N, C-alpha and C. Protein backbone atom coordinates (compact mmCIF):
# COMPACT_ATOMS: atom_id res chain seq x y z
N MET A 1 0.85 -1.19 0.00
CA MET A 1 0.00 0.00 0.00
C MET A 1 0.88 1.25 0.00
N ALA A 2 0.53 2.21 -0.84
CA ALA A 2 1.32 3.43 -0.93
C ALA A 2 1.21 4.21 0.37
N ARG A 3 2.32 4.81 0.78
CA ARG A 3 2.34 5.59 2.01
C ARG A 3 1.64 6.93 1.78
N LYS A 4 0.77 7.29 2.67
CA LYS A 4 0.06 8.56 2.57
C LYS A 4 1.02 9.71 2.80
N ASN A 5 0.89 10.74 1.99
CA ASN A 5 1.71 11.94 2.16
C ASN A 5 1.39 12.60 3.49
N ASP A 6 2.43 12.81 4.31
CA ASP A 6 2.22 13.38 5.64
C ASP A 6 1.97 14.88 5.60
N SER A 7 2.32 15.54 4.52
CA SER A 7 2.18 16.99 4.47
C SER A 7 0.72 17.39 4.27
N PRO A 8 0.29 18.47 4.94
CA PRO A 8 -1.08 18.94 4.72
C PRO A 8 -1.25 19.49 3.31
N THR A 9 -2.44 19.34 2.78
CA THR A 9 -2.74 19.90 1.46
C THR A 9 -2.79 21.42 1.56
N ALA A 10 -2.07 22.09 0.69
CA ALA A 10 -2.02 23.55 0.72
C ALA A 10 -3.34 24.14 0.24
N PRO A 11 -3.70 25.32 0.77
CA PRO A 11 -4.92 25.96 0.29
C PRO A 11 -4.82 26.32 -1.18
N ARG A 12 -5.94 26.19 -1.86
CA ARG A 12 -5.99 26.51 -3.29
C ARG A 12 -6.60 27.91 -3.43
N VAL A 13 -5.75 28.90 -3.44
CA VAL A 13 -6.22 30.29 -3.51
C VAL A 13 -5.72 30.92 -4.80
N SER A 14 -6.52 31.79 -5.36
CA SER A 14 -6.15 32.51 -6.57
C SER A 14 -6.53 33.97 -6.40
N ALA A 15 -5.92 34.83 -7.20
CA ALA A 15 -6.20 36.26 -7.11
C ALA A 15 -7.61 36.56 -7.60
N PRO A 16 -8.25 37.57 -7.04
CA PRO A 16 -9.57 37.97 -7.54
C PRO A 16 -9.50 38.29 -9.04
N ASP A 17 -10.52 37.88 -9.76
CA ASP A 17 -10.60 38.11 -11.20
C ASP A 17 -11.29 39.45 -11.43
N LEU A 18 -10.49 40.48 -11.68
CA LEU A 18 -11.02 41.83 -11.83
C LEU A 18 -10.92 42.30 -13.28
N PRO A 19 -11.89 43.08 -13.74
CA PRO A 19 -11.80 43.65 -15.08
C PRO A 19 -10.72 44.72 -15.16
N ALA A 20 -10.34 45.07 -16.37
CA ALA A 20 -9.29 46.08 -16.55
C ALA A 20 -9.73 47.45 -16.06
N THR A 21 -11.01 47.73 -16.14
CA THR A 21 -11.53 49.04 -15.75
C THR A 21 -12.60 48.89 -14.68
N LEU A 22 -12.46 49.68 -13.61
CA LEU A 22 -13.45 49.70 -12.54
C LEU A 22 -14.08 51.09 -12.47
N THR A 23 -15.36 51.13 -12.17
CA THR A 23 -16.11 52.37 -12.12
C THR A 23 -16.28 52.83 -10.68
N PRO A 24 -15.94 54.07 -10.34
CA PRO A 24 -16.15 54.56 -8.97
C PRO A 24 -17.61 54.43 -8.57
N ALA A 25 -17.84 54.01 -7.32
CA ALA A 25 -19.21 53.82 -6.83
C ALA A 25 -19.27 54.19 -5.36
N GLN A 26 -20.49 54.37 -4.87
CA GLN A 26 -20.73 54.71 -3.48
C GLN A 26 -21.32 53.51 -2.74
N PRO A 27 -20.90 53.28 -1.50
CA PRO A 27 -21.44 52.15 -0.74
C PRO A 27 -22.86 52.42 -0.28
N ALA A 28 -23.64 51.35 -0.17
CA ALA A 28 -25.01 51.46 0.34
C ALA A 28 -25.47 50.09 0.82
N ARG A 29 -26.32 50.10 1.81
CA ARG A 29 -26.90 48.86 2.31
C ARG A 29 -27.66 48.16 1.19
N ARG A 30 -27.46 46.86 1.04
CA ARG A 30 -28.09 46.02 0.02
C ARG A 30 -27.74 46.44 -1.41
N ALA A 31 -26.66 47.17 -1.58
CA ALA A 31 -26.24 47.57 -2.92
C ALA A 31 -25.84 46.34 -3.74
N GLN A 32 -26.03 46.44 -5.04
CA GLN A 32 -25.59 45.41 -5.97
C GLN A 32 -24.57 46.05 -6.90
N LEU A 33 -23.30 45.75 -6.65
CA LEU A 33 -22.20 46.42 -7.33
C LEU A 33 -21.38 45.43 -8.14
N THR A 34 -21.10 45.80 -9.39
CA THR A 34 -20.28 44.99 -10.27
C THR A 34 -19.21 45.87 -10.90
N ALA A 35 -17.97 45.38 -10.91
CA ALA A 35 -16.85 46.12 -11.50
C ALA A 35 -16.76 47.53 -10.93
N ALA A 36 -16.84 47.64 -9.62
CA ALA A 36 -16.86 48.94 -8.95
C ALA A 36 -15.59 49.15 -8.13
N GLN A 37 -15.18 50.40 -8.02
CA GLN A 37 -14.07 50.82 -7.16
C GLN A 37 -14.63 51.70 -6.05
N LEU A 38 -14.38 51.30 -4.78
CA LEU A 38 -14.91 52.05 -3.65
C LEU A 38 -13.78 52.55 -2.77
N SER A 39 -13.95 53.76 -2.26
CA SER A 39 -13.05 54.33 -1.26
C SER A 39 -13.89 54.59 -0.02
N LEU A 40 -13.67 53.79 1.03
CA LEU A 40 -14.56 53.78 2.18
C LEU A 40 -14.02 54.65 3.31
N THR A 41 -14.88 55.52 3.83
CA THR A 41 -14.51 56.38 4.95
C THR A 41 -15.68 56.47 5.93
N GLY A 42 -15.38 56.87 7.17
CA GLY A 42 -16.43 57.05 8.16
C GLY A 42 -17.06 55.74 8.59
N ASP A 43 -18.38 55.75 8.78
CA ASP A 43 -19.13 54.54 9.12
C ASP A 43 -19.82 54.05 7.85
N VAL A 44 -19.44 52.87 7.41
CA VAL A 44 -19.87 52.35 6.11
C VAL A 44 -20.87 51.21 6.31
N ASP A 45 -22.04 51.33 5.68
CA ASP A 45 -23.07 50.29 5.75
C ASP A 45 -23.20 49.62 4.39
N LEU A 46 -22.60 48.43 4.28
CA LEU A 46 -22.74 47.59 3.09
C LEU A 46 -23.37 46.26 3.46
N ALA A 47 -24.12 46.23 4.54
CA ALA A 47 -24.76 44.99 4.97
C ALA A 47 -25.66 44.45 3.87
N TYR A 48 -25.58 43.13 3.65
CA TYR A 48 -26.41 42.40 2.69
C TYR A 48 -26.21 42.88 1.25
N ALA A 49 -25.08 43.52 0.99
CA ALA A 49 -24.76 43.95 -0.37
C ALA A 49 -24.17 42.79 -1.17
N ASP A 50 -24.20 42.93 -2.50
CA ASP A 50 -23.54 42.00 -3.41
C ASP A 50 -22.42 42.75 -4.11
N LEU A 51 -21.18 42.29 -3.91
CA LEU A 51 -20.02 42.89 -4.57
C LEU A 51 -19.39 41.85 -5.47
N ASP A 52 -19.39 42.12 -6.77
CA ASP A 52 -18.86 41.19 -7.76
C ASP A 52 -17.79 41.90 -8.58
N GLN A 53 -16.58 41.36 -8.56
CA GLN A 53 -15.45 41.94 -9.28
C GLN A 53 -15.24 43.41 -8.89
N CYS A 54 -15.09 43.62 -7.60
CA CYS A 54 -14.93 44.97 -7.06
C CYS A 54 -13.61 45.10 -6.32
N ALA A 55 -13.19 46.34 -6.12
CA ALA A 55 -12.01 46.65 -5.32
C ALA A 55 -12.33 47.80 -4.40
N PHE A 56 -11.71 47.76 -3.20
CA PHE A 56 -11.91 48.90 -2.31
C PHE A 56 -10.69 49.11 -1.42
N SER A 57 -10.53 50.36 -1.01
CA SER A 57 -9.58 50.72 0.03
C SER A 57 -10.39 51.40 1.13
N ALA A 58 -9.80 51.53 2.32
CA ALA A 58 -10.60 52.06 3.43
C ALA A 58 -9.73 52.79 4.44
N ASP A 59 -10.26 53.92 4.90
CA ASP A 59 -9.76 54.61 6.08
C ASP A 59 -11.01 54.99 6.85
N ALA A 60 -11.56 54.02 7.60
CA ALA A 60 -12.92 54.13 8.12
C ALA A 60 -12.97 53.80 9.61
N ASP A 61 -14.04 54.25 10.23
CA ASP A 61 -14.30 53.85 11.61
C ASP A 61 -14.86 52.43 11.64
N SER A 62 -15.96 52.21 10.91
CA SER A 62 -16.56 50.88 10.88
C SER A 62 -17.03 50.56 9.47
N ILE A 63 -16.88 49.29 9.10
CA ILE A 63 -17.35 48.80 7.80
C ILE A 63 -18.22 47.59 8.08
N ASP A 64 -19.51 47.68 7.75
CA ASP A 64 -20.46 46.61 8.02
C ASP A 64 -20.80 45.89 6.73
N LEU A 65 -20.32 44.66 6.60
CA LEU A 65 -20.63 43.80 5.46
C LEU A 65 -21.37 42.56 5.93
N THR A 66 -22.11 42.69 7.01
CA THR A 66 -22.89 41.57 7.54
C THR A 66 -23.79 40.99 6.45
N GLY A 67 -23.75 39.67 6.27
CA GLY A 67 -24.65 39.02 5.33
C GLY A 67 -24.39 39.33 3.88
N ALA A 68 -23.29 39.99 3.58
CA ALA A 68 -22.99 40.37 2.20
C ALA A 68 -22.41 39.19 1.42
N THR A 69 -22.44 39.30 0.09
CA THR A 69 -21.82 38.33 -0.79
C THR A 69 -20.70 39.02 -1.56
N LEU A 70 -19.48 38.52 -1.40
CA LEU A 70 -18.32 39.09 -2.07
C LEU A 70 -17.69 38.03 -2.97
N VAL A 71 -17.64 38.30 -4.26
CA VAL A 71 -17.03 37.39 -5.23
C VAL A 71 -16.01 38.18 -6.04
N ASP A 72 -14.78 37.70 -6.06
CA ASP A 72 -13.70 38.39 -6.77
C ASP A 72 -13.58 39.84 -6.28
N VAL A 73 -13.20 39.98 -5.02
CA VAL A 73 -13.06 41.29 -4.39
C VAL A 73 -11.63 41.45 -3.87
N ASP A 74 -11.03 42.59 -4.19
CA ASP A 74 -9.67 42.90 -3.76
C ASP A 74 -9.69 44.14 -2.88
N ALA A 75 -9.35 43.98 -1.60
CA ALA A 75 -9.33 45.10 -0.65
C ALA A 75 -7.88 45.39 -0.29
N THR A 76 -7.46 46.64 -0.46
CA THR A 76 -6.08 47.02 -0.19
C THR A 76 -6.03 48.23 0.74
N ASP A 77 -4.97 48.29 1.54
CA ASP A 77 -4.75 49.41 2.46
C ASP A 77 -6.01 49.68 3.28
N VAL A 78 -6.41 48.67 4.03
CA VAL A 78 -7.65 48.75 4.82
C VAL A 78 -7.31 49.17 6.24
N ARG A 79 -7.78 50.34 6.61
CA ARG A 79 -7.60 50.85 7.98
C ARG A 79 -8.99 51.10 8.55
N ALA A 80 -9.32 50.33 9.58
CA ALA A 80 -10.67 50.43 10.14
C ALA A 80 -10.66 49.97 11.59
N THR A 81 -11.51 50.60 12.39
CA THR A 81 -11.68 50.13 13.77
C THR A 81 -12.35 48.78 13.78
N THR A 82 -13.41 48.62 12.96
CA THR A 82 -14.08 47.33 12.84
C THR A 82 -14.40 47.05 11.38
N LEU A 83 -14.18 45.81 10.98
CA LEU A 83 -14.61 45.32 9.67
C LEU A 83 -15.41 44.05 9.94
N VAL A 84 -16.72 44.13 9.73
CA VAL A 84 -17.63 43.04 10.08
C VAL A 84 -18.09 42.34 8.82
N LEU A 85 -17.77 41.05 8.73
CA LEU A 85 -18.20 40.19 7.63
C LEU A 85 -19.01 39.02 8.18
N ARG A 86 -19.70 39.26 9.25
CA ARG A 86 -20.44 38.19 9.92
C ARG A 86 -21.52 37.61 9.00
N ASN A 87 -21.56 36.26 8.92
CA ASN A 87 -22.56 35.54 8.12
C ASN A 87 -22.54 35.94 6.65
N ALA A 88 -21.39 36.37 6.17
CA ALA A 88 -21.23 36.72 4.77
C ALA A 88 -20.82 35.49 3.95
N ASN A 89 -20.82 35.66 2.62
CA ASN A 89 -20.34 34.63 1.70
C ASN A 89 -19.18 35.22 0.91
N LEU A 90 -18.01 34.57 0.98
CA LEU A 90 -16.81 35.08 0.34
C LEU A 90 -16.26 34.04 -0.63
N ARG A 91 -15.93 34.48 -1.84
CA ARG A 91 -15.27 33.62 -2.82
C ARG A 91 -14.22 34.44 -3.58
N ARG A 92 -13.01 33.97 -3.53
CA ARG A 92 -11.87 34.68 -4.13
C ARG A 92 -11.82 36.12 -3.65
N VAL A 93 -11.52 36.26 -2.38
CA VAL A 93 -11.41 37.58 -1.75
C VAL A 93 -9.99 37.72 -1.19
N ARG A 94 -9.41 38.89 -1.39
CA ARG A 94 -8.08 39.18 -0.86
C ARG A 94 -8.12 40.50 -0.10
N ILE A 95 -7.60 40.49 1.13
CA ILE A 95 -7.47 41.70 1.94
C ILE A 95 -5.99 41.85 2.25
N SER A 96 -5.39 42.92 1.76
CA SER A 96 -3.94 43.06 1.90
C SER A 96 -3.56 44.47 2.32
N GLY A 97 -2.71 44.54 3.33
CA GLY A 97 -2.18 45.81 3.80
C GLY A 97 -3.16 46.58 4.65
N GLY A 98 -2.69 47.04 5.81
CA GLY A 98 -3.54 47.88 6.64
C GLY A 98 -3.55 47.44 8.09
N ARG A 99 -4.38 48.12 8.85
CA ARG A 99 -4.50 47.85 10.29
C ARG A 99 -5.98 47.87 10.65
N ILE A 100 -6.44 46.79 11.31
CA ILE A 100 -7.85 46.62 11.65
C ILE A 100 -7.97 46.29 13.13
N GLY A 101 -8.87 46.98 13.83
CA GLY A 101 -9.08 46.67 15.24
C GLY A 101 -9.74 45.31 15.40
N THR A 102 -10.96 45.17 14.90
CA THR A 102 -11.69 43.90 14.95
C THR A 102 -12.06 43.48 13.54
N LEU A 103 -11.64 42.27 13.16
CA LEU A 103 -12.03 41.67 11.88
C LEU A 103 -12.90 40.47 12.20
N ASP A 104 -14.20 40.62 11.96
CA ASP A 104 -15.19 39.64 12.40
C ASP A 104 -15.71 38.85 11.20
N LEU A 105 -15.31 37.58 11.13
CA LEU A 105 -15.80 36.67 10.10
C LEU A 105 -16.58 35.53 10.73
N SER A 106 -17.21 35.76 11.85
CA SER A 106 -17.96 34.69 12.52
C SER A 106 -19.17 34.29 11.68
N GLY A 107 -19.35 32.98 11.54
CA GLY A 107 -20.47 32.46 10.77
C GLY A 107 -20.34 32.62 9.27
N THR A 108 -19.19 33.08 8.81
CA THR A 108 -18.99 33.35 7.39
C THR A 108 -18.66 32.06 6.64
N ARG A 109 -19.12 31.97 5.39
CA ARG A 109 -18.80 30.86 4.50
C ARG A 109 -17.77 31.35 3.50
N VAL A 110 -16.61 30.69 3.51
CA VAL A 110 -15.46 31.19 2.77
C VAL A 110 -14.94 30.12 1.81
N SER A 111 -14.68 30.54 0.58
CA SER A 111 -13.99 29.71 -0.40
C SER A 111 -12.96 30.58 -1.11
N GLU A 112 -11.71 30.40 -0.77
CA GLU A 112 -10.59 31.17 -1.30
C GLU A 112 -10.54 32.58 -0.70
N LEU A 113 -9.77 32.69 0.36
CA LEU A 113 -9.55 33.97 1.04
C LEU A 113 -8.07 34.12 1.34
N THR A 114 -7.53 35.28 1.02
CA THR A 114 -6.15 35.61 1.37
C THR A 114 -6.13 36.83 2.26
N LEU A 115 -5.49 36.71 3.43
CA LEU A 115 -5.22 37.84 4.31
C LEU A 115 -3.72 38.06 4.30
N ARG A 116 -3.28 39.25 3.90
CA ARG A 116 -1.85 39.46 3.69
C ARG A 116 -1.41 40.80 4.27
N ASP A 117 -0.33 40.76 5.01
CA ASP A 117 0.32 41.98 5.52
C ASP A 117 -0.65 42.86 6.30
N LEU A 118 -1.35 42.24 7.26
CA LEU A 118 -2.33 42.96 8.08
C LEU A 118 -1.89 42.98 9.53
N ARG A 119 -2.29 44.02 10.25
CA ARG A 119 -2.15 44.08 11.70
C ARG A 119 -3.56 44.12 12.26
N VAL A 120 -3.92 43.10 13.04
CA VAL A 120 -5.29 42.96 13.53
C VAL A 120 -5.25 42.73 15.04
N GLU A 121 -6.03 43.51 15.77
CA GLU A 121 -6.11 43.32 17.21
C GLU A 121 -6.90 42.05 17.54
N TYR A 122 -8.03 41.88 16.89
CA TYR A 122 -8.89 40.73 17.19
C TYR A 122 -9.46 40.19 15.89
N LEU A 123 -9.15 38.93 15.58
CA LEU A 123 -9.63 38.26 14.38
C LEU A 123 -10.44 37.04 14.81
N THR A 124 -11.72 36.99 14.41
CA THR A 124 -12.53 35.85 14.78
C THR A 124 -13.13 35.16 13.56
N PHE A 125 -12.99 33.82 13.57
CA PHE A 125 -13.63 32.94 12.60
C PHE A 125 -14.67 32.07 13.31
N GLY A 126 -15.19 32.51 14.42
CA GLY A 126 -16.09 31.69 15.22
C GLY A 126 -17.26 31.16 14.41
N GLY A 127 -17.42 29.83 14.38
CA GLY A 127 -18.54 29.21 13.69
C GLY A 127 -18.50 29.34 12.18
N ALA A 128 -17.37 29.78 11.63
CA ALA A 128 -17.27 29.94 10.17
C ALA A 128 -16.97 28.61 9.50
N ARG A 129 -17.27 28.55 8.20
CA ARG A 129 -16.91 27.40 7.36
C ARG A 129 -15.87 27.90 6.37
N LEU A 130 -14.64 27.45 6.56
CA LEU A 130 -13.50 27.99 5.82
C LEU A 130 -12.90 26.92 4.91
N HIS A 131 -12.83 27.22 3.63
CA HIS A 131 -12.17 26.35 2.66
C HIS A 131 -11.17 27.18 1.86
N ASP A 132 -9.93 26.75 1.89
CA ASP A 132 -8.86 27.38 1.10
C ASP A 132 -8.62 28.82 1.56
N VAL A 133 -7.87 28.93 2.66
CA VAL A 133 -7.55 30.23 3.26
C VAL A 133 -6.04 30.31 3.47
N LEU A 134 -5.46 31.43 3.07
CA LEU A 134 -4.04 31.68 3.28
C LEU A 134 -3.89 32.97 4.08
N ILE A 135 -3.17 32.88 5.20
CA ILE A 135 -2.90 34.04 6.05
C ILE A 135 -1.39 34.22 6.09
N GLU A 136 -0.90 35.30 5.51
CA GLU A 136 0.55 35.47 5.40
C GLU A 136 0.98 36.87 5.80
N ASP A 137 2.13 36.91 6.49
CA ASP A 137 2.73 38.17 6.93
C ASP A 137 1.75 39.01 7.74
N CYS A 138 1.03 38.36 8.64
CA CYS A 138 0.03 39.04 9.47
C CYS A 138 0.42 39.00 10.94
N ARG A 139 0.07 40.06 11.65
CA ARG A 139 0.27 40.14 13.10
C ARG A 139 -1.09 40.26 13.75
N VAL A 140 -1.47 39.24 14.54
CA VAL A 140 -2.78 39.20 15.17
C VAL A 140 -2.60 39.11 16.68
N ARG A 141 -3.25 39.98 17.41
CA ARG A 141 -3.13 39.91 18.87
C ARG A 141 -3.93 38.72 19.41
N ALA A 142 -5.20 38.62 19.06
CA ALA A 142 -6.05 37.51 19.52
C ALA A 142 -6.75 36.90 18.32
N LEU A 143 -6.58 35.58 18.15
CA LEU A 143 -7.18 34.85 17.04
C LEU A 143 -8.15 33.83 17.60
N ASP A 144 -9.43 33.95 17.22
CA ASP A 144 -10.47 33.05 17.70
C ASP A 144 -11.01 32.21 16.54
N MET A 145 -11.07 30.88 16.77
CA MET A 145 -11.63 29.97 15.77
C MET A 145 -12.59 28.97 16.41
N PRO A 146 -13.32 29.33 17.46
CA PRO A 146 -14.19 28.35 18.12
C PRO A 146 -15.32 27.90 17.20
N GLN A 147 -15.56 26.58 17.21
CA GLN A 147 -16.65 25.97 16.44
C GLN A 147 -16.49 26.15 14.93
N ALA A 148 -15.34 26.56 14.47
CA ALA A 148 -15.13 26.71 13.03
C ALA A 148 -14.91 25.35 12.38
N GLU A 149 -15.32 25.24 11.11
CA GLU A 149 -15.05 24.07 10.28
C GLU A 149 -14.06 24.50 9.20
N ILE A 150 -12.89 23.87 9.22
CA ILE A 150 -11.78 24.36 8.40
C ILE A 150 -11.23 23.25 7.52
N ALA A 151 -11.01 23.58 6.25
CA ALA A 151 -10.33 22.67 5.33
C ALA A 151 -9.34 23.47 4.50
N ARG A 152 -8.09 23.10 4.58
CA ARG A 152 -7.01 23.73 3.82
C ARG A 152 -6.85 25.21 4.18
N LEU A 153 -6.26 25.42 5.35
CA LEU A 153 -5.90 26.76 5.80
C LEU A 153 -4.44 26.73 6.21
N ALA A 154 -3.67 27.72 5.76
CA ALA A 154 -2.25 27.76 6.09
C ALA A 154 -1.84 29.16 6.52
N PHE A 155 -0.89 29.20 7.45
CA PHE A 155 -0.27 30.45 7.88
C PHE A 155 1.16 30.49 7.34
N GLU A 156 1.60 31.68 6.97
CA GLU A 156 2.98 31.89 6.56
C GLU A 156 3.50 33.18 7.19
N ARG A 157 4.59 33.07 7.92
CA ARG A 157 5.28 34.23 8.52
C ARG A 157 4.31 35.13 9.30
N SER A 158 3.50 34.51 10.12
CA SER A 158 2.50 35.25 10.91
C SER A 158 2.66 34.93 12.38
N ASP A 159 2.12 35.78 13.25
CA ASP A 159 2.19 35.51 14.68
C ASP A 159 0.95 36.02 15.39
N ALA A 160 0.70 35.43 16.56
CA ALA A 160 -0.46 35.78 17.37
C ALA A 160 -0.10 35.64 18.84
N ASP A 161 -0.70 36.47 19.68
CA ASP A 161 -0.47 36.36 21.12
C ASP A 161 -1.20 35.16 21.69
N GLU A 162 -2.47 34.96 21.28
CA GLU A 162 -3.22 33.82 21.77
C GLU A 162 -4.18 33.33 20.70
N VAL A 163 -4.42 32.01 20.72
CA VAL A 163 -5.29 31.38 19.73
C VAL A 163 -6.30 30.51 20.46
N ASP A 164 -7.59 30.73 20.18
CA ASP A 164 -8.66 29.94 20.78
C ASP A 164 -9.25 29.04 19.70
N THR A 165 -9.07 27.73 19.86
CA THR A 165 -9.58 26.76 18.88
C THR A 165 -10.69 25.89 19.47
N GLY A 166 -11.32 26.33 20.53
CA GLY A 166 -12.32 25.52 21.22
C GLY A 166 -13.43 25.04 20.29
N GLY A 167 -13.62 23.73 20.20
CA GLY A 167 -14.68 23.17 19.38
C GLY A 167 -14.42 23.21 17.89
N MET A 168 -13.23 23.60 17.49
CA MET A 168 -12.89 23.67 16.07
C MET A 168 -12.75 22.28 15.48
N ARG A 169 -13.18 22.13 14.21
CA ARG A 169 -12.96 20.90 13.46
C ARG A 169 -12.16 21.25 12.22
N ALA A 170 -11.03 20.57 12.04
CA ALA A 170 -10.12 20.99 10.99
C ALA A 170 -9.50 19.80 10.26
N SER A 171 -9.23 20.03 8.99
CA SER A 171 -8.40 19.13 8.20
C SER A 171 -7.47 19.98 7.35
N ASP A 172 -6.24 19.53 7.22
CA ASP A 172 -5.24 20.28 6.46
C ASP A 172 -5.11 21.72 6.96
N LEU A 173 -5.06 21.88 8.27
CA LEU A 173 -4.80 23.18 8.89
C LEU A 173 -3.32 23.23 9.26
N ASP A 174 -2.57 24.03 8.52
CA ASP A 174 -1.11 24.09 8.67
C ASP A 174 -0.74 25.28 9.55
N LEU A 175 -0.32 24.99 10.78
CA LEU A 175 0.03 26.02 11.75
C LEU A 175 1.53 26.29 11.81
N ARG A 176 2.30 25.66 10.95
CA ARG A 176 3.76 25.80 11.05
C ARG A 176 4.22 27.23 10.82
N GLY A 177 3.49 28.00 10.06
CA GLY A 177 3.88 29.38 9.80
C GLY A 177 3.28 30.37 10.76
N LEU A 178 2.69 29.88 11.86
CA LEU A 178 2.09 30.76 12.88
C LEU A 178 2.87 30.65 14.17
N ASP A 179 3.49 31.74 14.57
CA ASP A 179 4.20 31.80 15.84
C ASP A 179 3.22 32.30 16.90
N ALA A 180 2.61 31.36 17.63
CA ALA A 180 1.59 31.70 18.62
C ALA A 180 2.16 31.56 20.02
N ALA A 181 1.93 32.58 20.85
CA ALA A 181 2.43 32.53 22.22
C ALA A 181 1.66 31.53 23.06
N ALA A 182 0.36 31.35 22.78
CA ALA A 182 -0.45 30.44 23.60
C ALA A 182 -1.65 29.95 22.81
N TYR A 183 -1.97 28.66 23.01
CA TYR A 183 -3.22 28.06 22.52
C TYR A 183 -4.11 27.80 23.73
N LEU A 184 -5.34 28.30 23.69
CA LEU A 184 -6.21 28.23 24.85
C LEU A 184 -6.90 26.89 25.00
N ASP A 185 -6.95 26.08 23.93
CA ASP A 185 -7.62 24.78 24.00
C ASP A 185 -6.86 23.79 23.13
N THR A 186 -5.88 23.11 23.73
CA THR A 186 -5.09 22.16 22.96
C THR A 186 -5.88 20.92 22.58
N ASN A 187 -7.01 20.67 23.23
CA ASN A 187 -7.86 19.53 22.87
C ASN A 187 -8.39 19.63 21.45
N SER A 188 -8.51 20.84 20.94
CA SER A 188 -9.15 21.05 19.64
C SER A 188 -8.15 21.19 18.50
N LEU A 189 -6.92 20.75 18.71
CA LEU A 189 -5.90 20.88 17.68
C LEU A 189 -5.81 19.65 16.78
N ARG A 190 -6.71 18.69 16.95
CA ARG A 190 -6.73 17.52 16.07
C ARG A 190 -6.96 17.98 14.62
N GLY A 191 -6.21 17.39 13.71
CA GLY A 191 -6.33 17.75 12.30
C GLY A 191 -5.41 18.87 11.87
N THR A 192 -4.57 19.35 12.81
CA THR A 192 -3.64 20.43 12.48
C THR A 192 -2.23 19.88 12.31
N THR A 193 -1.36 20.69 11.71
CA THR A 193 0.04 20.33 11.54
C THR A 193 0.90 21.41 12.19
N MET A 194 1.87 20.96 13.02
CA MET A 194 2.80 21.87 13.68
C MET A 194 4.22 21.39 13.46
N SER A 195 5.17 22.29 13.66
CA SER A 195 6.57 21.91 13.60
C SER A 195 6.98 21.26 14.92
N VAL A 196 8.12 20.58 14.90
CA VAL A 196 8.64 19.97 16.12
C VAL A 196 8.86 21.03 17.20
N LEU A 197 9.41 22.17 16.82
CA LEU A 197 9.68 23.24 17.78
C LEU A 197 8.38 23.74 18.41
N GLN A 198 7.34 23.88 17.62
CA GLN A 198 6.05 24.33 18.17
C GLN A 198 5.52 23.33 19.19
N VAL A 199 5.60 22.06 18.87
CA VAL A 199 5.11 21.03 19.78
C VAL A 199 5.93 21.01 21.07
N GLU A 200 7.24 21.19 20.95
CA GLU A 200 8.08 21.24 22.15
C GLU A 200 7.67 22.39 23.06
N ARG A 201 7.35 23.52 22.48
CA ARG A 201 6.92 24.67 23.29
C ARG A 201 5.60 24.40 24.00
N LEU A 202 4.75 23.58 23.39
CA LEU A 202 3.43 23.30 23.96
C LEU A 202 3.40 22.02 24.78
N ALA A 203 4.55 21.41 24.99
CA ALA A 203 4.58 20.10 25.64
C ALA A 203 3.90 20.11 27.00
N THR A 204 4.14 21.14 27.80
CA THR A 204 3.52 21.21 29.13
C THR A 204 2.01 21.28 29.03
N ALA A 205 1.51 22.12 28.11
CA ALA A 205 0.06 22.23 27.94
C ALA A 205 -0.54 20.92 27.47
N PHE A 206 0.13 20.23 26.55
CA PHE A 206 -0.37 18.93 26.07
C PHE A 206 -0.41 17.92 27.22
N ALA A 207 0.63 17.91 28.04
CA ALA A 207 0.69 16.96 29.15
C ALA A 207 -0.44 17.20 30.14
N ARG A 208 -0.69 18.43 30.49
CA ARG A 208 -1.76 18.74 31.44
C ARG A 208 -3.12 18.37 30.87
N THR A 209 -3.31 18.57 29.55
CA THR A 209 -4.56 18.17 28.92
C THR A 209 -4.76 16.66 29.03
N ALA A 210 -3.67 15.91 28.97
CA ALA A 210 -3.74 14.46 29.08
C ALA A 210 -3.85 13.98 30.53
N GLY A 211 -3.91 14.91 31.47
CA GLY A 211 -4.05 14.55 32.87
C GLY A 211 -2.74 14.26 33.57
N ILE A 212 -1.64 14.68 32.98
CA ILE A 212 -0.32 14.45 33.56
C ILE A 212 0.07 15.64 34.43
N GLN A 213 0.45 15.36 35.67
CA GLN A 213 0.91 16.42 36.55
C GLN A 213 2.33 16.81 36.16
N VAL A 214 2.54 18.08 35.91
CA VAL A 214 3.85 18.57 35.49
C VAL A 214 4.44 19.41 36.62
N LEU A 215 5.61 18.99 37.13
CA LEU A 215 6.26 19.68 38.24
C LEU A 215 7.66 20.11 37.84
N PRO A 216 8.20 21.13 38.51
CA PRO A 216 9.58 21.56 38.23
C PRO A 216 10.57 20.43 38.47
């Protein structure tokens, strides 16, 4: 019998498919935008909007994309106190460059997402369904993934202060490129891949989870 490849399957992500020309547009709740270029400022309400082949930059207080559908969307230089994508649908979306206080993707359904060169205070994927996600060159203070269903997610050159994976279900979740100071629930790391050095750092936490008393 052939030996199974031990390496996790890499996420299959591609760049958003954008037209050569984009038309400037204004954000609005439930807007239906195609081939649009948006510059977001202040408090932005795009809840339940449809964005298809769009690009945007932001210097905003809050951006609400709750329940929105984003297909082939490229977001660059995003600076916002909050960016809410709760219960949204994302396909071929890239967010690159910027600083975000809270990036909320809880309950979101994702197929092909790239987060690149971001500084985020709080990033949550709570209850999300994630397929093919790449997080690279990102600094996250708190990363939450409770109850998330994950297939093919990888980190590259990224770090986090703490990671909550409580109740997470994962396959092909590659954590080798994530330098995390602490995992809050080591029980939920089944289906993930770590380096030897990462496992050595977590040895005490793993032992205590297994009911082993660890003493000096």
